[in-house]
Each structure stands twice: as structure tokens, then as C-alpha cells.
Amino acid sequence: MAEAGGPALEASTWVLFLAPAGTPPEIVKRMSAEAAKAIAAADIKSRFSAIGIDPVGNTPSRRPVLADEIAKWSKVIQAAGVKAER
């Protein structure tokens, strides 16, 4: 956008694994460890790289990031008057 004379643009795509509230911590920890192991695998890294994906692989302690994103995009949605369609 900036190269075309527009404002700076920040965007990303998220893929998240979520579990219901009350999921035992040992299960959450295992899901996180298995996801981290998968994105660290050489074949997955090369596939991601080939299509321009830069995996981050956060831990469950990074949960506030999701809350921050919800708050940020809720403001945008409300300001734009976006309505869900059925």
C-alpha cells in the first residue's frame, strides 16, 4: 500500500488451535508441543517457505495476543458497520 501512495498496512493470517475453557492444562500443553514439533519439521518448513508462510508457533501463555486481536478488529468492524450475512 505504501508503495502505491497509500497508508501503511499491517495484516497477517492466523491459524489457531483452540480448546474449550476448562481443558486440562496437560492436554493444552501437549497440543502446543505437538504443533511446535510439526512446524519445526524440515518438510513442513520447506512447504511453508515455498508459499510465503512464516510460522511463529506461540505457546498457550500467548493467549492475550488473541484477545488483543479481537479488541482491535472489533473496533474496525463496528466503525465500518460490518454486519454478518446469513
Protein backbone atom coordinates (compact mmCIF):
# COMPACT_ATOMS: atom_id res chain seq x y z
CA MET A 1 0.00 0.00 0.00
CA ALA A 2 2.75 2.46 0.91
CA GLU A 3 4.46 1.92 -2.46
CA ALA A 4 1.19 2.87 -4.15
CA GLY A 5 0.93 6.06 -2.08
CA GLY A 6 -1.49 4.68 0.49
CA PRO A 7 -1.14 4.41 4.24
CA ALA A 8 1.00 1.77 5.90
CA LEU A 9 -0.85 -1.52 6.16
CA GLU A 10 -0.46 -4.21 8.79
CA ALA A 11 -2.03 -7.59 8.10
CA SER A 12 -1.47 -11.21 8.93
CA THR A 13 -3.24 -14.50 8.71
CA TRP A 14 -3.69 -16.62 11.79
CA VAL A 15 -4.18 -20.32 12.21
CA LEU A 16 -5.02 -21.19 15.79
CA PHE A 17 -5.69 -24.29 17.79
CA LEU A 18 -8.30 -23.51 20.41
CA ALA A 19 -9.68 -25.71 23.16
CA PRO A 20 -12.78 -25.27 25.31
CA ALA A 21 -12.45 -23.46 28.62
CA GLY A 22 -11.58 -25.93 31.33
CA THR A 23 -9.48 -28.19 29.10
CA PRO A 24 -6.91 -29.83 31.39
CA PRO A 25 -3.56 -28.00 31.26
CA GLU A 26 -1.68 -31.18 30.36
CA ILE A 27 -3.79 -31.54 27.20
CA VAL A 28 -3.26 -27.90 26.24
CA LYS A 29 0.48 -28.32 26.82
CA ARG A 30 0.57 -31.45 24.67
CA MET A 31 -1.36 -29.78 21.83
CA SER A 32 1.10 -26.89 21.92
CA ALA A 33 4.13 -29.19 21.94
CA GLU A 34 2.83 -31.28 19.03
CA ALA A 35 2.03 -28.18 16.97
CA ALA A 36 5.51 -26.78 17.67
CA LYS A 37 7.09 -30.08 16.66
CA ALA A 38 5.09 -30.13 13.41
CA ILE A 39 6.04 -26.61 12.32
CA ALA A 40 9.70 -27.29 13.19
CA ALA A 41 9.84 -30.32 10.88
CA ALA A 42 12.07 -29.72 7.85
CA ASP A 43 9.48 -30.81 5.28
CA ILE A 44 6.81 -28.54 6.77
CA LYS A 45 9.25 -25.62 6.98
CA SER A 46 10.13 -26.00 3.30
CA ARG A 47 6.46 -26.24 2.26
CA PHE A 48 5.61 -23.14 4.27
CA SER A 49 8.60 -21.26 2.86
CA ALA A 50 7.60 -22.15 -0.69
CA ILE A 51 4.22 -20.45 -0.24
CA GLY A 52 5.44 -17.49 1.81
CA ILE A 53 4.33 -18.60 5.27
CA ASP A 54 6.45 -17.57 8.23
CA PRO A 55 5.27 -19.77 11.14
CA VAL A 56 5.55 -18.32 14.62
CA GLY A 57 4.49 -21.14 16.93
CA ASN A 58 3.48 -19.43 20.15
CA THR A 59 2.70 -21.09 23.45
CA PRO A 60 -0.59 -21.11 25.39
CA SER A 61 0.82 -18.28 27.51
CA ARG A 62 0.49 -16.04 24.43
CA ARG A 63 -3.31 -16.12 24.77
CA PRO A 64 -3.50 -12.34 25.34
CA VAL A 65 -2.46 -11.89 21.70
CA LEU A 66 -5.81 -13.33 20.62
CA ALA A 67 -7.70 -11.04 23.00
CA ASP A 68 -5.76 -8.05 21.60
CA GLU A 69 -6.64 -9.03 18.03
CA ILE A 70 -10.32 -9.43 18.91
CA ALA A 71 -10.36 -5.98 20.53
CA LYS A 72 -8.56 -4.36 17.58
CA TRP A 73 -10.72 -5.88 14.85
CA SER A 74 -13.95 -5.40 16.81
CA LYS A 75 -13.32 -1.65 16.64
CA VAL A 76 -12.74 -1.84 12.89
CA ILE A 77 -15.88 -3.92 12.34
CA GLN A 78 -18.01 -1.58 14.42
CA ALA A 79 -16.59 1.58 12.80
CA ALA A 80 -17.23 0.15 9.33
CA GLY A 81 -20.73 -1.03 10.25
CA VAL A 82 -19.99 -4.56 9.09
CA LYS A 83 -22.94 -6.93 9.57
CA ALA A 84 -22.96 -10.71 9.34
CA GLU A 85 -24.89 -12.15 6.42
CA ARG A 86 -26.96 -15.30 6.50
